[in-house]
């Protein structure tokens, strides 16, 4: 009798991996005009901000394997900020990073009780999934608790950024 592995062979692209660490705390508050300030990294580069100029959390990158997938043990409850942002901005599948559009539109999954399906507009920080990975994502993601809510949409514009707002004060 052989022991079965409990490690999934499919690891979503957006997951942070062991060895990928948050950047050092090198944030600066600079003046951007009279009474206006901007939070920035001391060694900021263009990858630190999204298309709207919002500063995102930094995280290091592990090497990639032969399939160009990030290497390292998956950290199942953490999304890598850059990979999350890239998949959201380009509407790529959170599992394989390929185009997520299905013949019927975009599929988004949400955990039970995390969104109100009765609302006309549903907001999520979860990237979409392609048709090939809907079932795998539903089974693998602890956030979905095995009971995902499935949303299908023809249009998925970026709405905003979920994060921390910093201000200048005492």
N, C-alpha and C. Protein backbone atom coordinates (compact mmCIF):
# COMPACT_ATOMS: atom_id res chain seq x y z
N UNK A 1 0.85 -1.18 0.00
CA UNK A 1 0.00 0.00 0.00
C UNK A 1 0.89 1.23 0.00
N UNK A 2 0.56 2.19 -0.84
CA UNK A 2 1.32 3.43 -0.89
C UNK A 2 0.51 4.56 -0.28
N UNK A 3 1.22 5.48 0.31
CA UNK A 3 0.56 6.64 0.92
C UNK A 3 0.19 7.63 -0.18
N UNK A 4 -1.01 8.18 -0.07
CA UNK A 4 -1.44 9.19 -1.03
C UNK A 4 -0.95 10.55 -0.58
N UNK A 5 -0.54 11.36 -1.55
CA UNK A 5 -0.09 12.71 -1.26
C UNK A 5 -1.30 13.60 -1.00
N UNK A 6 -1.18 14.46 -0.01
CA UNK A 6 -2.26 15.41 0.27
C UNK A 6 -1.96 16.78 -0.34
N UNK A 7 -0.82 16.89 -1.05
CA UNK A 7 -0.46 18.15 -1.67
C UNK A 7 -1.09 18.20 -3.06
N UNK A 8 -1.94 19.20 -3.33
CA UNK A 8 -2.55 19.29 -4.65
C UNK A 8 -1.50 19.51 -5.73
N UNK A 9 -1.71 18.90 -6.88
CA UNK A 9 -0.78 19.08 -7.98
C UNK A 9 -1.04 20.39 -8.71
N UNK A 10 -2.23 20.93 -8.60
CA UNK A 10 -2.59 22.19 -9.23
C UNK A 10 -2.54 23.29 -8.18
N UNK A 11 -1.72 24.28 -8.42
CA UNK A 11 -1.61 25.41 -7.49
C UNK A 11 -1.98 26.68 -8.24
N UNK A 12 -2.98 27.41 -7.77
CA UNK A 12 -3.38 28.64 -8.46
C UNK A 12 -2.22 29.62 -8.62
N UNK A 13 -2.15 30.22 -9.77
CA UNK A 13 -1.11 31.18 -10.13
C UNK A 13 -1.04 32.35 -9.14
N UNK A 14 -2.18 32.81 -8.65
CA UNK A 14 -2.20 34.02 -7.81
C UNK A 14 -1.70 33.80 -6.39
N UNK A 15 -1.55 32.56 -5.97
CA UNK A 15 -1.14 32.31 -4.59
C UNK A 15 0.29 32.77 -4.33
N UNK A 16 0.48 33.28 -3.14
CA UNK A 16 1.83 33.59 -2.67
C UNK A 16 2.49 32.27 -2.31
N UNK A 17 3.78 32.17 -2.52
CA UNK A 17 4.52 30.94 -2.24
C UNK A 17 5.47 31.15 -1.06
N UNK A 18 5.79 30.05 -0.39
CA UNK A 18 6.78 30.11 0.68
C UNK A 18 8.07 30.65 0.08
N UNK A 19 8.67 31.60 0.76
CA UNK A 19 9.88 32.24 0.25
C UNK A 19 9.61 33.59 -0.39
N UNK A 20 8.36 33.85 -0.75
CA UNK A 20 7.99 35.17 -1.26
C UNK A 20 7.56 36.00 -0.06
N UNK A 21 8.34 36.99 0.23
CA UNK A 21 8.13 37.76 1.46
C UNK A 21 7.76 39.20 1.16
N UNK A 22 7.07 39.80 2.12
CA UNK A 22 6.73 41.22 2.01
C UNK A 22 8.01 42.03 1.94
N UNK A 23 7.96 43.12 1.22
CA UNK A 23 9.12 43.99 1.08
C UNK A 23 9.45 44.63 2.41
N UNK A 24 10.68 45.06 2.56
CA UNK A 24 11.04 45.76 3.80
C UNK A 24 10.21 47.02 3.97
N UNK A 25 10.05 47.42 5.20
CA UNK A 25 9.26 48.61 5.50
C UNK A 25 10.09 49.85 5.15
N UNK A 26 9.97 50.31 3.91
CA UNK A 26 10.74 51.48 3.48
C UNK A 26 9.82 52.54 2.87
N UNK A 27 8.65 52.70 3.48
CA UNK A 27 7.70 53.68 2.97
C UNK A 27 8.07 55.09 3.43
N UNK A 28 7.87 56.03 2.53
CA UNK A 28 8.14 57.43 2.80
C UNK A 28 6.90 58.24 2.51
N UNK A 29 6.71 59.29 3.23
CA UNK A 29 5.63 60.23 2.96
C UNK A 29 6.28 61.49 2.40
N UNK A 30 5.96 61.81 1.16
CA UNK A 30 6.58 62.97 0.52
C UNK A 30 5.52 64.01 0.19
N UNK A 31 5.94 65.23 0.07
CA UNK A 31 5.04 66.32 -0.27
C UNK A 31 4.79 66.29 -1.78
N UNK A 32 3.51 66.37 -2.15
CA UNK A 32 3.18 66.38 -3.58
C UNK A 32 2.45 67.68 -3.96
N UNK A 33 2.46 68.65 -3.08
CA UNK A 33 1.81 69.94 -3.31
C UNK A 33 1.45 70.54 -1.98
N UNK A 34 0.93 71.77 -1.98
CA UNK A 34 0.55 72.41 -0.72
C UNK A 34 -0.50 71.58 0.04
N UNK A 35 -0.12 71.09 1.19
CA UNK A 35 -1.04 70.31 2.01
C UNK A 35 -1.34 68.92 1.46
N UNK A 36 -0.58 68.48 0.45
CA UNK A 36 -0.81 67.17 -0.17
C UNK A 36 0.43 66.30 0.01
N UNK A 37 0.18 65.04 0.32
CA UNK A 37 1.28 64.12 0.56
C UNK A 37 1.06 62.85 -0.25
N UNK A 38 2.15 62.16 -0.51
CA UNK A 38 2.07 60.90 -1.24
C UNK A 38 2.92 59.87 -0.52
N UNK A 39 2.33 58.70 -0.33
CA UNK A 39 3.05 57.57 0.24
C UNK A 39 3.78 56.88 -0.90
N UNK A 40 5.06 56.59 -0.71
CA UNK A 40 5.82 55.91 -1.74
C UNK A 40 6.90 55.05 -1.10
N UNK A 41 7.46 54.17 -1.91
CA UNK A 41 8.58 53.34 -1.46
C UNK A 41 9.87 54.10 -1.72
N UNK A 42 10.85 53.94 -0.85
CA UNK A 42 12.13 54.64 -1.01
C UNK A 42 12.79 54.25 -2.33
N UNK A 43 12.62 53.01 -2.76
CA UNK A 43 13.22 52.53 -4.00
C UNK A 43 12.15 52.12 -5.01
N UNK A 44 11.11 52.91 -5.10
CA UNK A 44 9.94 52.59 -5.93
C UNK A 44 10.31 52.42 -7.40
N UNK A 45 9.63 51.45 -8.03
CA UNK A 45 9.75 51.30 -9.48
C UNK A 45 8.35 51.17 -10.07
N UNK A 46 8.19 51.20 -11.39
CA UNK A 46 6.86 51.24 -12.00
C UNK A 46 5.94 50.08 -11.62
N UNK A 47 6.47 48.93 -11.24
CA UNK A 47 5.64 47.79 -10.86
C UNK A 47 4.91 48.02 -9.54
N UNK A 48 5.31 49.02 -8.78
CA UNK A 48 4.71 49.26 -7.46
C UNK A 48 3.34 49.92 -7.52
N UNK A 49 3.00 50.50 -8.66
CA UNK A 49 1.72 51.21 -8.79
C UNK A 49 0.89 50.61 -9.94
N UNK A 50 -0.43 50.66 -9.77
CA UNK A 50 -1.30 50.16 -10.83
C UNK A 50 -1.53 51.24 -11.88
N UNK A 51 -2.41 50.96 -12.82
CA UNK A 51 -2.66 51.88 -13.93
C UNK A 51 -3.23 53.22 -13.47
N UNK A 52 -3.81 53.26 -12.28
CA UNK A 52 -4.38 54.50 -11.75
C UNK A 52 -3.45 55.20 -10.76
N UNK A 53 -2.24 54.68 -10.61
CA UNK A 53 -1.26 55.30 -9.73
C UNK A 53 -1.36 54.89 -8.27
N UNK A 54 -2.16 53.87 -7.97
CA UNK A 54 -2.30 53.41 -6.58
C UNK A 54 -1.10 52.54 -6.20
N UNK A 55 -0.51 52.84 -5.05
CA UNK A 55 0.62 52.07 -4.55
C UNK A 55 0.11 50.75 -3.98
N UNK A 56 0.69 49.64 -4.42
CA UNK A 56 0.29 48.31 -3.97
C UNK A 56 1.35 47.73 -3.04
N UNK A 57 0.91 46.78 -2.22
CA UNK A 57 1.84 46.08 -1.34
C UNK A 57 2.90 45.39 -2.19
N UNK A 58 4.08 45.33 -1.67
CA UNK A 58 5.17 44.68 -2.37
C UNK A 58 5.40 43.28 -1.81
N UNK A 59 5.82 42.40 -2.68
CA UNK A 59 6.16 41.04 -2.28
C UNK A 59 7.24 40.55 -3.22
N UNK A 60 8.20 39.83 -2.69
CA UNK A 60 9.27 39.31 -3.54
C UNK A 60 8.73 38.21 -4.46
N UNK A 61 9.53 37.80 -5.41
CA UNK A 61 9.16 36.78 -6.37
C UNK A 61 10.12 35.60 -6.26
N UNK A 62 9.57 34.39 -6.23
CA UNK A 62 10.39 33.19 -6.31
C UNK A 62 10.76 32.96 -7.77
N UNK A 63 11.77 32.11 -7.99
CA UNK A 63 12.05 31.72 -9.38
C UNK A 63 10.84 30.98 -9.96
N UNK A 64 10.79 30.86 -11.27
CA UNK A 64 9.72 30.12 -11.91
C UNK A 64 10.25 28.76 -12.38
N UNK A 65 9.33 27.80 -12.52
CA UNK A 65 9.72 26.47 -12.97
C UNK A 65 9.72 26.41 -14.50
N UNK A 66 9.90 25.21 -15.05
CA UNK A 66 9.96 25.03 -16.50
C UNK A 66 8.67 25.45 -17.19
N UNK A 67 7.54 25.37 -16.47
CA UNK A 67 6.26 25.79 -17.02
C UNK A 67 5.97 27.26 -16.80
N UNK A 68 6.99 28.01 -16.34
CA UNK A 68 6.88 29.44 -16.05
C UNK A 68 5.89 29.73 -14.93
N UNK A 69 5.74 28.78 -14.01
CA UNK A 69 4.88 28.94 -12.84
C UNK A 69 5.76 29.25 -11.64
N UNK A 70 5.29 30.08 -10.71
CA UNK A 70 6.09 30.38 -9.51
C UNK A 70 6.39 29.11 -8.72
N UNK A 71 7.62 29.01 -8.27
CA UNK A 71 8.05 27.85 -7.49
C UNK A 71 7.81 28.13 -6.00
N UNK A 72 7.74 27.07 -5.22
CA UNK A 72 7.60 27.19 -3.77
C UNK A 72 6.29 26.63 -3.28
N UNK A 73 6.29 26.25 -2.02
CA UNK A 73 5.10 25.70 -1.38
C UNK A 73 4.02 26.78 -1.32
N UNK A 74 2.80 26.44 -1.74
CA UNK A 74 1.73 27.45 -1.74
C UNK A 74 1.32 27.88 -0.34
N UNK A 75 1.07 29.15 -0.20
CA UNK A 75 0.54 29.74 1.03
C UNK A 75 -0.94 29.97 0.76
N UNK A 76 -1.78 28.98 1.04
CA UNK A 76 -3.15 28.91 0.56
C UNK A 76 -4.04 30.08 0.95
N UNK A 77 -3.74 30.80 1.97
CA UNK A 77 -4.61 31.90 2.39
C UNK A 77 -4.09 33.27 1.94
N UNK A 78 -3.01 33.28 1.16
CA UNK A 78 -2.42 34.55 0.75
C UNK A 78 -2.34 34.65 -0.77
N UNK A 79 -2.75 35.79 -1.31
CA UNK A 79 -2.56 36.05 -2.73
C UNK A 79 -1.33 36.94 -2.89
N UNK A 80 -0.55 36.66 -3.90
CA UNK A 80 0.61 37.50 -4.21
C UNK A 80 0.07 38.81 -4.79
N UNK A 81 0.37 39.95 -4.19
CA UNK A 81 -0.24 41.22 -4.63
C UNK A 81 -0.03 41.54 -6.10
N UNK A 82 1.17 41.30 -6.63
CA UNK A 82 1.41 41.63 -8.03
C UNK A 82 0.66 40.68 -8.96
N UNK A 83 0.65 39.38 -8.65
CA UNK A 83 -0.06 38.43 -9.51
C UNK A 83 -1.57 38.65 -9.42
N UNK A 84 -2.07 39.01 -8.24
CA UNK A 84 -3.49 39.33 -8.10
C UNK A 84 -3.83 40.54 -8.97
N UNK A 85 -3.03 41.57 -8.87
CA UNK A 85 -3.29 42.79 -9.64
C UNK A 85 -3.23 42.51 -11.13
N UNK A 86 -2.24 41.75 -11.58
CA UNK A 86 -2.10 41.45 -13.00
C UNK A 86 -3.30 40.67 -13.52
N UNK A 87 -3.76 39.68 -12.77
CA UNK A 87 -4.89 38.89 -13.24
C UNK A 87 -6.19 39.69 -13.21
N UNK A 88 -6.34 40.58 -12.26
CA UNK A 88 -7.54 41.43 -12.21
C UNK A 88 -7.53 42.44 -13.36
N UNK A 89 -6.41 43.11 -13.59
CA UNK A 89 -6.34 44.14 -14.63
C UNK A 89 -6.53 43.56 -16.03
N UNK A 90 -6.06 42.35 -16.25
CA UNK A 90 -6.11 41.75 -17.59
C UNK A 90 -7.20 40.69 -17.71
N UNK A 91 -7.99 40.49 -16.64
CA UNK A 91 -9.05 39.49 -16.60
C UNK A 91 -8.54 38.12 -17.02
N UNK A 92 -7.49 37.70 -16.34
CA UNK A 92 -6.88 36.38 -16.54
C UNK A 92 -7.33 35.45 -15.43
N UNK A 93 -7.29 34.17 -15.71
CA UNK A 93 -7.69 33.16 -14.74
C UNK A 93 -6.73 33.15 -13.55
N UNK A 94 -7.28 33.13 -12.35
CA UNK A 94 -6.46 33.10 -11.14
C UNK A 94 -5.70 31.79 -10.98
N UNK A 95 -6.11 30.75 -11.68
CA UNK A 95 -5.44 29.45 -11.57
C UNK A 95 -4.31 29.32 -12.58
N UNK A 96 -4.61 29.59 -13.87
CA UNK A 96 -3.62 29.34 -14.93
C UNK A 96 -3.04 30.60 -15.56
N UNK A 97 -3.61 31.75 -15.29
CA UNK A 97 -3.19 33.05 -15.83
C UNK A 97 -3.47 33.18 -17.33
N UNK A 98 -4.28 32.29 -17.88
CA UNK A 98 -4.70 32.40 -19.28
C UNK A 98 -5.98 33.25 -19.34
N UNK A 99 -6.41 33.58 -20.55
CA UNK A 99 -7.64 34.37 -20.69
C UNK A 99 -8.79 33.71 -19.94
N UNK A 100 -9.54 34.50 -19.19
CA UNK A 100 -10.62 33.94 -18.37
C UNK A 100 -11.98 34.01 -19.05
N UNK A 101 -12.10 34.75 -20.13
CA UNK A 101 -13.42 34.89 -20.78
C UNK A 101 -13.88 33.53 -21.30
N UNK A 102 -15.11 33.19 -20.95
CA UNK A 102 -15.75 31.97 -21.45
C UNK A 102 -16.72 32.39 -22.55
N UNK A 103 -17.29 31.45 -23.28
CA UNK A 103 -18.28 31.83 -24.30
C UNK A 103 -19.48 32.59 -23.72
N UNK A 104 -19.75 32.40 -22.42
CA UNK A 104 -20.88 33.08 -21.79
C UNK A 104 -20.50 34.35 -21.04
N UNK A 105 -19.21 34.62 -20.89
CA UNK A 105 -18.75 35.79 -20.16
C UNK A 105 -17.66 35.42 -19.17
N UNK A 106 -17.54 36.22 -18.12
CA UNK A 106 -16.54 35.98 -17.09
C UNK A 106 -17.18 35.30 -15.89
N UNK A 107 -16.46 34.35 -15.31
CA UNK A 107 -16.93 33.64 -14.12
C UNK A 107 -16.10 34.10 -12.93
N UNK A 108 -16.81 34.52 -11.89
CA UNK A 108 -16.17 34.88 -10.62
C UNK A 108 -16.76 33.99 -9.54
N UNK A 109 -15.94 33.61 -8.58
CA UNK A 109 -16.38 32.78 -7.46
C UNK A 109 -16.25 33.58 -6.17
N UNK A 110 -17.19 33.41 -5.28
CA UNK A 110 -17.14 34.08 -3.98
C UNK A 110 -17.47 33.07 -2.91
N UNK A 111 -16.89 33.26 -1.75
CA UNK A 111 -17.16 32.38 -0.63
C UNK A 111 -18.55 32.60 -0.07
N UNK A 112 -19.08 31.60 0.63
CA UNK A 112 -20.42 31.74 1.19
C UNK A 112 -20.49 32.92 2.16
N UNK A 113 -21.52 33.75 1.96
CA UNK A 113 -21.75 34.87 2.86
C UNK A 113 -20.83 36.06 2.65
N UNK A 114 -19.96 36.05 1.63
CA UNK A 114 -19.04 37.18 1.45
C UNK A 114 -19.61 38.30 0.59
N UNK A 115 -20.62 37.99 -0.21
CA UNK A 115 -21.27 39.01 -1.02
C UNK A 115 -22.78 38.81 -0.95
N UNK A 116 -23.51 39.86 -1.25
CA UNK A 116 -24.97 39.78 -1.28
C UNK A 116 -25.42 39.58 -2.72
N UNK A 117 -25.87 38.39 -3.08
CA UNK A 117 -26.25 38.12 -4.46
C UNK A 117 -27.48 38.90 -4.91
N UNK A 118 -28.19 39.52 -3.98
CA UNK A 118 -29.38 40.31 -4.33
C UNK A 118 -29.01 41.71 -4.82
N UNK A 119 -27.77 42.13 -4.58
CA UNK A 119 -27.33 43.45 -5.02
C UNK A 119 -27.14 43.45 -6.54
N UNK A 120 -27.45 44.57 -7.16
CA UNK A 120 -27.29 44.69 -8.62
C UNK A 120 -25.81 44.66 -9.00
N UNK A 121 -24.96 45.21 -8.14
CA UNK A 121 -23.53 45.23 -8.39
C UNK A 121 -22.83 44.39 -7.32
N UNK A 122 -22.02 43.47 -7.76
CA UNK A 122 -21.24 42.63 -6.85
C UNK A 122 -19.78 43.00 -7.03
N UNK A 123 -19.10 43.33 -5.94
CA UNK A 123 -17.69 43.69 -5.99
C UNK A 123 -16.86 42.56 -5.38
N UNK A 124 -15.72 42.30 -5.98
CA UNK A 124 -14.85 41.25 -5.47
C UNK A 124 -13.39 41.61 -5.71
N UNK A 125 -12.51 41.10 -4.87
CA UNK A 125 -11.08 41.24 -5.12
C UNK A 125 -10.48 39.92 -5.59
N UNK A 126 -11.35 38.98 -5.92
CA UNK A 126 -10.93 37.68 -6.45
C UNK A 126 -10.87 37.75 -7.97
N UNK A 127 -9.75 37.36 -8.58
CA UNK A 127 -9.69 37.33 -10.04
C UNK A 127 -10.67 36.30 -10.60
N UNK A 128 -11.02 36.43 -11.88
CA UNK A 128 -11.94 35.47 -12.49
C UNK A 128 -11.27 34.10 -12.67
N UNK A 129 -12.07 33.13 -13.08
CA UNK A 129 -11.54 31.80 -13.41
C UNK A 129 -12.01 31.43 -14.82
N UNK A 130 -11.18 30.69 -15.53
CA UNK A 130 -11.55 30.22 -16.86
C UNK A 130 -12.45 28.99 -16.71
N UNK A 131 -13.11 28.63 -17.78
CA UNK A 131 -14.04 27.48 -17.75
C UNK A 131 -13.32 26.20 -17.32
N UNK A 132 -12.09 26.04 -17.73
CA UNK A 132 -11.33 24.82 -17.42
C UNK A 132 -11.04 24.68 -15.92
N UNK A 133 -10.98 25.79 -15.19
CA UNK A 133 -10.57 25.73 -13.78
C UNK A 133 -11.65 26.10 -12.76
N UNK A 134 -12.89 26.21 -13.18
CA UNK A 134 -13.96 26.55 -12.24
C UNK A 134 -14.05 25.51 -11.12
N UNK A 135 -14.11 24.25 -11.48
CA UNK A 135 -14.26 23.19 -10.46
C UNK A 135 -13.01 23.08 -9.59
N UNK A 136 -11.84 23.17 -10.19
CA UNK A 136 -10.59 23.09 -9.42
C UNK A 136 -10.50 24.23 -8.41
N UNK A 137 -10.82 25.44 -8.84
CA UNK A 137 -10.76 26.59 -7.93
C UNK A 137 -11.75 26.41 -6.79
N UNK A 138 -12.93 25.93 -7.10
CA UNK A 138 -13.95 25.72 -6.07
C UNK A 138 -13.51 24.69 -5.05
N UNK A 139 -12.77 23.68 -5.48
CA UNK A 139 -12.31 22.63 -4.57
C UNK A 139 -11.07 23.04 -3.79
N UNK A 140 -10.17 23.81 -4.41
CA UNK A 140 -8.88 24.12 -3.80
C UNK A 140 -8.90 25.31 -2.84
N UNK A 141 -9.72 26.29 -3.12
CA UNK A 141 -9.65 27.55 -2.38
C UNK A 141 -10.34 27.45 -1.02
N UNK A 142 -9.60 27.62 0.08
CA UNK A 142 -10.22 27.58 1.40
C UNK A 142 -11.24 28.71 1.60
N UNK A 143 -11.04 29.83 0.92
CA UNK A 143 -11.96 30.97 1.01
C UNK A 143 -13.37 30.58 0.56
N UNK A 144 -13.46 29.65 -0.36
CA UNK A 144 -14.76 29.24 -0.90
C UNK A 144 -15.45 28.19 -0.04
N UNK A 145 -14.71 27.59 0.87
CA UNK A 145 -15.25 26.62 1.84
C UNK A 145 -16.06 25.50 1.18
N UNK A 146 -15.73 25.16 -0.07
CA UNK A 146 -16.43 24.09 -0.76
C UNK A 146 -17.85 24.43 -1.17
N UNK A 147 -18.27 25.68 -0.94
CA UNK A 147 -19.63 26.11 -1.28
C UNK A 147 -19.59 27.46 -2.00
N UNK A 148 -18.96 27.51 -3.16
CA UNK A 148 -18.81 28.81 -3.82
C UNK A 148 -20.11 29.36 -4.37
N UNK A 149 -20.19 30.67 -4.36
CA UNK A 149 -21.24 31.37 -5.09
C UNK A 149 -20.61 31.65 -6.45
N UNK A 150 -21.34 31.37 -7.52
CA UNK A 150 -20.82 31.54 -8.87
C UNK A 150 -21.53 32.71 -9.53
N UNK A 151 -20.74 33.64 -10.05
CA UNK A 151 -21.27 34.82 -10.73
C UNK A 151 -20.78 34.83 -12.17
N UNK A 152 -21.68 35.06 -13.09
CA UNK A 152 -21.36 35.15 -14.50
C UNK A 152 -21.70 36.56 -14.97
N UNK A 153 -20.76 37.20 -15.65
CA UNK A 153 -20.98 38.56 -16.12
C UNK A 153 -20.38 38.75 -17.50
N UNK A 154 -20.98 39.62 -18.28
CA UNK A 154 -20.43 39.97 -19.59
C UNK A 154 -19.37 41.05 -19.48
N UNK A 155 -19.42 41.81 -18.39
CA UNK A 155 -18.57 42.97 -18.24
C UNK A 155 -18.03 43.01 -16.81
N UNK A 156 -16.74 43.21 -16.65
CA UNK A 156 -16.15 43.25 -15.32
C UNK A 156 -15.14 44.40 -15.22
N UNK A 157 -15.62 45.64 -15.17
CA UNK A 157 -14.69 46.77 -15.07
C UNK A 157 -14.03 46.82 -13.70
N UNK A 158 -12.81 47.32 -13.69
CA UNK A 158 -12.14 47.53 -12.40
C UNK A 158 -12.90 48.62 -11.66
N UNK A 159 -13.12 48.40 -10.39
CA UNK A 159 -13.92 49.33 -9.61
C UNK A 159 -13.06 50.14 -8.64
N UNK A 160 -12.13 49.48 -7.99
CA UNK A 160 -11.33 50.16 -6.98
C UNK A 160 -10.29 49.22 -6.43
N UNK A 161 -9.71 49.63 -5.32
CA UNK A 161 -8.67 48.86 -4.66
C UNK A 161 -9.08 48.66 -3.22
N UNK A 162 -9.00 47.44 -2.75
CA UNK A 162 -9.27 47.12 -1.35
C UNK A 162 -7.94 47.18 -0.61
N UNK A 163 -7.81 48.09 0.33
CA UNK A 163 -6.54 48.22 1.02
C UNK A 163 -6.65 49.16 2.19
N UNK A 164 -5.52 49.67 2.59
CA UNK A 164 -5.43 50.56 3.73
C UNK A 164 -5.18 51.97 3.23
N UNK A 165 -5.93 52.92 3.74
CA UNK A 165 -5.71 54.33 3.40
C UNK A 165 -4.83 54.92 4.49
N UNK A 166 -3.75 55.54 4.05
CA UNK A 166 -2.84 56.18 4.98
C UNK A 166 -3.06 57.68 4.93
N UNK A 167 -2.86 58.34 6.05
CA UNK A 167 -2.98 59.77 6.11
C UNK A 167 -1.88 60.35 6.95
N UNK A 168 -1.72 61.63 6.82
CA UNK A 168 -0.70 62.32 7.60
C UNK A 168 -1.33 62.91 8.83
N UNK A 169 -0.76 62.59 9.95
CA UNK A 169 -1.30 63.13 11.19
C UNK A 169 -0.45 62.75 12.37
N UNK A 170 -0.90 63.16 13.55
CA UNK A 170 -0.16 62.88 14.78
C UNK A 170 -0.18 61.43 15.09
